[in-house]
Protein backbone atom coordinates (compact mmCIF):
# COMPACT_ATOMS: atom_id res chain seq x y z
CA MET A 1 -22.80 -14.24 8.90
CA THR A 2 -21.18 -11.05 7.58
CA ARG A 3 -22.10 -9.21 10.77
CA ARG A 4 -20.55 -11.94 12.93
CA ILE A 5 -17.33 -11.89 10.93
CA LEU A 6 -17.07 -8.11 11.15
CA SER A 7 -17.67 -8.29 14.89
CA ARG A 8 -14.76 -10.67 15.16
CA ALA A 9 -12.61 -8.22 13.22
CA VAL A 10 -13.44 -5.36 15.56
CA MET A 11 -12.59 -7.56 18.55
CA LEU A 12 -9.21 -8.48 17.06
CA ALA A 13 -8.42 -4.85 16.30
CA SER A 14 -9.40 -3.74 19.81
CA LEU A 15 -6.83 -6.12 21.33
CA SER A 16 -3.96 -4.36 19.57
CA PHE A 17 -2.04 -1.40 20.91
CA PRO A 18 0.75 0.90 19.68
CA VAL A 19 4.33 0.33 20.78
CA SER A 20 6.15 3.52 21.82
CA LEU A 21 9.49 3.88 20.06
CA ALA A 22 10.28 7.61 19.92
CA ALA A 23 12.86 7.64 22.70
CA SER A 24 14.81 4.63 21.39
CA LEU A 25 14.29 4.59 17.61
CA ALA A 26 17.76 5.76 16.57
CA GLN A 27 19.46 3.52 19.13
CA ALA A 28 17.47 0.45 18.09
CA ALA A 29 18.18 1.17 14.42
CA GLY A 30 21.91 0.86 15.03
CA PRO A 31 24.95 3.11 14.93
CA ALA A 32 24.65 3.76 11.17
CA ALA A 33 21.25 5.42 11.57
CA SER A 34 20.94 9.18 11.81
CA ALA A 35 18.42 10.92 14.02
CA THR A 36 14.76 10.73 13.03
CA PRO A 37 13.21 14.21 12.72
CA ALA A 38 11.44 15.06 15.97
CA ALA A 39 8.27 16.14 14.16
CA ALA A 40 7.98 12.73 12.48
CA ALA A 41 8.77 10.60 15.54
CA PRO A 42 5.19 10.52 16.96
CA ILE A 43 3.93 9.11 13.65
CA LEU A 44 6.55 6.37 13.64
CA ASP A 45 5.81 5.62 17.31
CA ARG A 46 2.21 4.71 16.51
CA ILE A 47 3.01 1.98 13.99
CA SER A 48 2.30 -1.21 15.87
CA ALA A 49 3.30 -4.76 14.99
CA THR A 50 0.62 -6.01 17.36
CA ALA A 51 -2.13 -4.04 15.64
CA MET A 52 -1.10 -5.36 12.24
CA ARG A 53 -1.02 -8.93 13.55
CA GLY A 54 -4.61 -8.59 14.74
CA ASN A 55 -5.84 -7.06 11.49
CA LEU A 56 -4.03 -9.55 9.27
CA ALA A 57 -5.20 -12.54 11.32
CA PHE A 58 -8.69 -11.53 10.24
CA LEU A 59 -8.09 -10.41 6.65
CA ALA A 60 -6.09 -13.56 5.85
CA SER A 61 -8.39 -15.90 7.75
CA ASP A 62 -10.27 -18.78 6.11
CA ALA A 63 -13.49 -16.86 6.76
CA LEU A 64 -12.63 -14.48 3.87
CA GLU A 65 -11.95 -17.37 1.51
CA GLY A 66 -8.90 -15.90 -0.20
CA ARG A 67 -10.47 -12.53 -1.14
CA GLY A 68 -10.96 -13.35 -4.80
CA THR A 69 -12.26 -10.66 -7.18
CA PRO A 70 -15.24 -10.55 -6.98
CA SER A 71 -16.30 -12.53 -3.91
CA ARG A 72 -18.09 -12.37 -0.60
CA GLY A 73 -14.73 -12.45 1.17
CA LEU A 74 -13.50 -9.44 -0.79
CA ASP A 75 -16.67 -7.54 0.14
CA ILE A 76 -16.14 -8.28 3.82
CA ALA A 77 -12.51 -7.17 3.56
CA ALA A 78 -13.61 -3.90 1.95
CA GLU A 79 -16.06 -3.22 4.77
CA PHE A 80 -13.40 -3.95 7.36
CA ILE A 81 -10.83 -1.65 5.74
CA ALA A 82 -13.42 1.11 5.43
CA SER A 83 -14.26 0.71 9.12
CA GLN A 84 -10.59 1.19 9.97
CA PHE A 85 -10.35 4.32 7.81
CA ARG A 86 -13.51 5.64 9.44
CA ALA A 87 -12.19 4.93 12.94
CA ALA A 88 -8.93 6.69 12.07
CA GLY A 89 -10.86 9.81 11.11
CA LEU A 90 -9.98 9.86 7.40
CA GLU A 91 -12.33 11.83 5.18
CA PRO A 92 -14.16 9.50 2.77
CA LEU A 93 -13.59 9.62 -0.98
CA GLY A 94 -15.56 7.87 -3.70
CA ASP A 95 -19.03 7.62 -5.15
CA GLU A 96 -20.00 5.90 -1.87
CA PRO A 97 -18.38 6.80 1.46
CA TYR A 98 -14.88 5.25 1.38
CA PHE A 99 -15.68 3.29 -1.80
CA GLN A 100 -14.95 3.83 -5.47
CA THR A 101 -17.29 1.33 -7.08
CA ALA A 102 -17.26 -0.43 -10.44
CA ASP A 103 -19.12 -3.26 -12.16
CA TRP A 104 -16.75 -6.20 -12.51
CA ASN A 105 -18.72 -7.56 -15.44
CA LYS A 106 -17.87 -4.42 -17.39
CA ILE A 107 -14.18 -4.08 -16.52
CA ASN A 108 -12.98 -7.68 -16.11
CA PRO A 109 -10.25 -8.00 -18.76
CA ARG A 110 -11.13 -11.68 -19.25
CA ARG A 111 -14.84 -11.10 -19.86
CA ASP A 112 -16.51 -12.39 -22.98
CA LYS A 113 -17.41 -9.17 -24.77
CA ASN A 114 -19.83 -11.00 -27.02
CA ALA A 115 -21.80 -12.55 -24.17
CA ALA A 116 -25.13 -11.19 -23.01
CA PRO A 117 -24.81 -8.61 -20.20
CA ALA A 118 -24.61 -10.23 -16.79
CA ALA A 119 -26.09 -8.90 -13.59
CA PRO A 120 -23.89 -6.20 -12.03
CA ALA A 121 -21.15 -7.47 -9.73
CA LYS A 122 -19.93 -4.60 -7.55
CA VAL A 123 -16.22 -4.30 -6.80
CA ARG A 124 -14.70 -1.50 -4.73
CA ASN A 125 -11.50 0.40 -4.17
CA VAL A 126 -11.43 1.55 -0.54
CA VAL A 127 -10.30 5.18 -0.26
CA GLY A 128 -9.85 7.80 2.45
CA ILE A 129 -7.97 11.08 2.59
CA LEU A 130 -6.08 13.03 5.23
CA ARG A 131 -6.24 16.68 4.19
CA GLY A 132 -3.04 18.68 4.30
CA SER A 133 -2.53 21.83 6.33
CA ASP A 134 -0.50 24.14 4.10
CA PRO A 135 -2.54 26.72 2.13
CA ALA A 136 -0.33 26.31 -0.93
CA LEU A 137 0.28 22.55 -0.80
CA LYS A 138 -2.90 21.04 0.68
CA ASP A 139 -4.38 20.62 -2.79
CA THR A 140 -1.48 18.38 -3.84
CA TYR A 141 -1.61 14.66 -3.08
CA ILE A 142 0.44 11.59 -2.25
CA LEU A 143 -1.15 8.17 -2.82
CA VAL A 144 -0.33 5.30 -0.44
CA THR A 145 -1.70 2.05 -1.85
CA ALA A 146 -1.86 -1.73 -1.66
CA HIS A 147 -4.09 -4.39 -3.20
CA TYR A 148 -6.40 -6.20 -0.83
CA ASP A 149 -7.53 -8.99 -3.16
CA HIS A 150 -5.90 -12.37 -3.62
CA VAL A 151 -6.65 -15.44 -5.76
CA GLY A 152 -9.56 -16.90 -3.79
CA THR A 153 -10.12 -20.65 -3.53
CA LYS A 154 -8.83 -23.57 -5.56
CA PRO A 155 -10.51 -26.81 -4.44
CA GLY A 156 -8.17 -29.74 -4.41
CA GLU A 157 -4.99 -27.72 -3.82
CA GLY A 158 -3.97 -28.04 -0.18
CA ASP A 159 -6.75 -26.73 2.03
CA GLY A 160 -8.23 -25.00 -1.02
CA ILE A 161 -8.13 -21.49 0.51
CA PHE A 162 -5.40 -19.17 -0.72
CA ASN A 163 -5.28 -16.72 2.18
CA GLY A 164 -2.77 -14.25 0.72
CA ALA A 165 -1.32 -13.06 4.02
CA ASN A 166 1.88 -11.67 2.53
CA ASP A 167 0.42 -11.11 -0.94
CA ASP A 168 -0.96 -8.64 -0.20
CA GLY A 169 -2.58 -8.73 3.19
CA SER A 170 0.71 -7.38 4.51
CA GLY A 171 0.47 -4.29 2.31
CA THR A 172 -3.19 -3.83 3.19
CA VAL A 173 -2.65 -3.80 6.96
CA SER A 174 0.36 -1.54 6.41
CA VAL A 175 -1.80 1.02 4.61
CA ILE A 176 -4.32 0.85 7.45
CA GLU A 177 -1.58 1.31 10.06
CA LEU A 178 -0.01 4.22 8.19
CA ALA A 179 -3.40 5.89 7.87
CA LYS A 180 -4.01 5.56 11.60
CA ALA A 181 -0.54 6.83 12.48
CA PHE A 182 -0.74 9.96 10.30
CA ALA A 183 -4.36 10.73 11.17
CA ALA A 184 -3.71 10.53 14.92
CA ASN A 185 -0.87 13.04 14.75
CA LYS A 186 -1.74 16.51 16.00
CA GLU A 187 0.36 18.19 13.30
CA ARG A 188 -1.06 17.57 9.84
CA PRO A 189 1.34 17.22 6.89
CA LYS A 190 1.48 20.08 4.41
CA ARG A 191 0.29 17.96 1.48
CA SER A 192 -2.78 15.74 1.51
CA ILE A 193 -2.35 11.96 1.69
CA VAL A 194 -4.76 9.54 0.01
CA PHE A 195 -4.83 6.02 1.47
CA MET A 196 -6.28 3.41 -0.87
CA THR A 197 -6.57 -0.37 -1.13
CA VAL A 198 -7.53 -1.71 -4.53
CA PHE A 199 -9.31 -4.76 -5.94
CA GLY A 200 -8.34 -6.96 -8.86
CA GLU A 201 -4.54 -6.73 -8.83
CA GLU A 202 -4.32 -10.46 -9.37
CA HIS A 203 -6.35 -10.07 -12.59
CA GLY A 204 -3.97 -7.52 -14.08
CA LEU A 205 -3.91 -4.38 -11.88
CA VAL A 206 -7.59 -3.82 -12.64
CA GLY A 207 -8.54 -1.78 -9.57
CA SER A 208 -5.56 0.57 -9.74
CA ARG A 209 -6.02 1.02 -13.49
CA TYR A 210 -9.67 1.82 -12.84
CA TYR A 211 -8.54 4.51 -10.42
CA GLY A 212 -6.02 5.83 -12.94
CA ALA A 213 -8.81 6.23 -15.49
CA ASN A 214 -11.23 7.63 -12.90
CA PRO A 215 -9.11 9.52 -10.34
CA LEU A 216 -10.72 10.83 -7.18
CA VAL A 217 -8.16 13.63 -6.79
CA PRO A 218 -6.63 15.48 -9.75
CA ILE A 219 -3.86 13.55 -11.50
CA GLU A 220 -2.02 16.79 -12.27
CA LYS A 221 -1.95 17.54 -8.54
CA THR A 222 -0.80 14.05 -7.48
CA VAL A 223 2.93 14.29 -6.80
CA ALA A 224 3.88 10.71 -5.86
CA GLY A 225 2.66 7.20 -5.18
CA ILE A 226 4.08 4.60 -2.81
CA ASN A 227 2.62 1.12 -3.20
CA ILE A 228 3.23 -1.55 -0.55
CA GLU A 229 3.34 -5.22 -1.49
CA GLN A 230 4.79 -8.33 0.15
CA VAL A 231 6.42 -6.68 3.14
CA GLY A 232 5.63 -9.34 5.75
CA ARG A 233 7.72 -12.37 4.83
CA THR A 234 11.49 -12.18 5.30
CA ASP A 235 12.23 -15.69 3.94
CA ASP A 236 13.14 -14.53 0.46
CA SER A 237 14.11 -17.26 -2.01
CA GLU A 238 17.53 -15.55 -2.36
CA GLY A 239 18.13 -15.49 1.39
CA PRO A 240 16.71 -13.79 4.50
CA GLN A 241 15.75 -10.15 4.07
CA GLN A 242 15.59 -8.56 7.51
CA ARG A 243 15.64 -4.82 8.14
CA ALA A 244 15.72 -4.29 4.38
CA PHE A 245 13.39 -3.71 1.46
CA ALA A 246 13.73 -3.14 -2.26
CA VAL A 247 12.06 -0.52 -4.45
CA THR A 248 10.79 -1.14 -7.98
CA GLY A 249 12.21 1.30 -10.51
CA TYR A 250 14.52 2.49 -7.74
CA ASP A 251 16.33 5.08 -9.87
CA PHE A 252 13.48 5.99 -12.21
CA SER A 253 12.60 8.97 -9.98
CA ASP A 254 13.54 10.76 -6.76
CA VAL A 255 11.23 8.52 -4.73
CA GLY A 256 13.80 5.72 -4.47
CA GLU A 257 16.39 8.08 -3.00
CA ILE A 258 13.82 9.59 -0.62
CA LEU A 259 13.04 6.08 0.65
CA LYS A 260 16.75 5.32 1.00
CA LYS A 261 17.37 8.48 3.03
CA ALA A 262 14.47 7.50 5.29
CA GLY A 263 16.08 4.08 5.69
CA ASP A 264 19.36 5.72 6.61
CA GLN A 265 17.52 7.49 9.42
CA THR A 266 15.74 4.37 10.70
CA GLY A 267 18.47 1.77 10.17
CA ILE A 268 16.71 -0.02 7.31
CA LYS A 269 18.57 -0.98 4.14
CA VAL A 270 16.68 0.34 1.10
CA TRP A 271 18.14 -1.06 -2.08
CA LYS A 272 17.79 -1.74 -5.78
CA HIS A 273 17.59 -5.42 -6.62
CA PRO A 274 19.87 -5.89 -9.65
CA VAL A 275 17.15 -7.66 -11.65
CA ASN A 276 13.77 -7.50 -9.95
CA SER A 277 13.61 -3.80 -9.10
CA ASP A 278 13.32 -2.88 -12.77
CA LYS A 279 11.64 -6.12 -13.85
CA TYR A 280 8.69 -5.76 -11.49
CA PHE A 281 8.10 -2.04 -11.89
CA ALA A 282 5.29 -2.80 -14.33
CA HIS A 283 3.85 -5.68 -12.30
CA SER A 284 2.30 -3.96 -9.31
CA ASP A 285 -0.22 -1.21 -8.73
CA ASN A 286 2.31 1.62 -8.92
CA GLN A 287 2.22 1.11 -12.70
CA ALA A 288 -1.27 2.58 -13.03
CA LEU A 289 -0.07 5.87 -11.56
CA ALA A 290 3.20 5.85 -13.49
CA ASP A 291 1.15 5.49 -16.67
CA GLN A 292 -0.47 8.80 -15.71
CA GLY A 293 2.95 10.47 -15.37
CA ILE A 294 3.12 10.28 -11.56
CA PRO A 295 6.38 9.10 -9.91
CA ALA A 296 5.12 5.92 -8.27
CA HIS A 297 6.97 2.85 -6.99
CA THR A 298 6.38 -0.35 -5.02
CA VAL A 299 8.27 -1.39 -1.89
CA SER A 300 8.73 -5.12 -1.19
CA VAL A 301 10.77 -7.15 1.28
CA ALA A 302 10.68 -10.41 -0.69
CA TYR A 303 9.94 -10.71 -4.39
CA ALA A 304 9.72 -14.50 -4.14
CA PHE A 305 9.07 -16.57 -1.02
CA PRO A 306 7.79 -20.05 -0.09
CA ASP A 307 4.00 -20.32 -0.57
CA TYR A 308 3.90 -17.48 -3.13
CA HIS A 309 0.42 -17.84 -4.62
CA GLY A 310 0.12 -21.00 -2.60
CA ALA A 311 -2.34 -22.21 0.00
CA GLY A 312 0.29 -21.87 2.75
CA ASP A 313 0.65 -18.06 2.71
CA HIS A 314 -0.75 -17.73 6.23
CA TRP A 315 -0.77 -14.84 8.70
CA ASP A 316 1.34 -16.68 11.29
CA LYS A 317 4.34 -16.77 8.91
CA ILE A 318 4.67 -12.98 8.89
CA ASP A 319 7.55 -11.26 10.70
CA TYR A 320 5.46 -8.49 12.25
CA GLU A 321 8.28 -6.65 14.00
CA ASN A 322 10.25 -6.44 10.76
CA MET A 323 7.13 -5.33 8.89
CA ALA A 324 6.58 -2.57 11.43
CA ALA A 325 10.20 -1.41 10.99
CA VAL A 326 9.71 -1.32 7.21
CA ASP A 327 6.47 0.63 7.60
CA ARG A 328 8.15 3.18 9.87
CA THR A 329 10.67 3.82 7.12
CA VAL A 330 7.90 4.18 4.54
CA ALA A 331 6.09 6.54 6.93
CA LEU A 332 9.19 8.69 7.23
CA ALA A 333 9.53 8.87 3.43
CA ILE A 334 5.87 9.87 3.12
CA TRP A 335 6.41 12.50 5.81
CA HIS A 336 9.36 13.95 3.90
CA ILE A 337 7.41 14.13 0.61
CA ALA A 338 4.33 15.51 2.35
CA ASN A 339 6.25 18.32 4.00
CA SER A 340 8.70 19.22 1.26
CA SER A 341 8.12 22.21 -0.99
CA GLU A 342 9.60 20.18 -3.87
CA ALA A 343 7.79 17.20 -5.36
CA PRO A 344 9.59 14.07 -6.59
CA LYS A 345 10.73 14.13 -10.21
CA TRP A 346 11.33 11.50 -12.87
CA SER A 347 14.99 11.02 -13.74
CA ARG A 348 16.03 12.68 -17.00
CA SER A 349 19.25 10.64 -17.07
CA ASN A 350 17.59 7.20 -16.89
CA PRO A 351 16.26 6.01 -20.28
CA LYS A 352 13.79 3.70 -18.52
CA ALA A 353 12.07 6.74 -17.03
CA SER A 354 11.76 8.65 -20.29
CA LYS A 355 8.35 7.17 -21.12
CA TYR A 356 6.87 8.39 -17.86
CA LEU A 357 8.61 11.74 -17.99
CA GLY A 358 7.15 12.17 -21.47
CA ILE A 359 3.65 11.40 -20.20
CA GLN A 360 4.10 13.89 -17.39
CA GLU A 361 5.26 16.63 -19.74
CA GLN A 362 2.60 15.83 -22.34
CA ARG A 363 -0.10 16.21 -19.72
CA GLY A 364 1.42 19.46 -18.55
CA ILE A 365 2.07 18.11 -15.06
CA LYS A 366 4.64 20.24 -13.27
CA PRO A 367 6.08 18.87 -10.02
CA GLN A 368 5.04 21.24 -7.23
């Protein structure tokens, strides 16, 4: 059964193709957009709405049964993501190729610590790396992340399968697409980029916290993290959000401004939600890196949308063209960080960033 499902995934992926945008990107973005750097344009060109539609139609299909942690569906999703990283040519990281493994029965925050040990239940972060090209900067790292789990099945509620297309299948296929776009580019970025999808976010950021406690690249050499969550649906509960996305902890570090400048170049509004940007900083997988002193933030199009954690969060409700435009902006921000001699810094003037700045300084991490 697993083999048949994976075969279907490969078929879906093979039907997708990149849409060329280099010649018309600035014009399509609108008159307010400035020119995209020529060196970054081929990367942005390769980000394909069609490819993400094919991948998400599989990852958010009923066959994966809502990708609960742990579950058979989550295992199949992990294998599929790893196959995409492998096809892109990323170098594997982890204790197994492309996998950082853990025993769910030992790390589940809801486990009964007084119960007899249960049989191991393997869960996996899926991780690949694109090595940088600069002799001085290649041993510094940017993490690009999303969670690939959802809440699984709930018999009796709708169709009983909570597919999690937007939350966070959209982020997962975005990480895959960004990995493919950067890896296919002839010119490697100066810094190395780690692409990772994590398990157990819905149980309390478990997979990302596991990575934070067991990093696969040195924390002191990790300069930034960009986490992608809920970027597919534009039907925000506060009104449509098209050609726009918000950033958690927008002004906690330089990363928010770097994303905004990228949006200025691509015609995407990058903004700070007056309530949710700060409120949700601690509620997505960027938090695990921030707790290590690394400037890390989450980008989202809609914080709340119909079918949030509901059985109706299906792949055919995603605005794929808008998601691709968002991902091109994120790609441009990653490109800027990866090729800059200066790493992002926590804000000394924002009291909400002082905790993370203190962690960074306590650990002796110097932005480089």
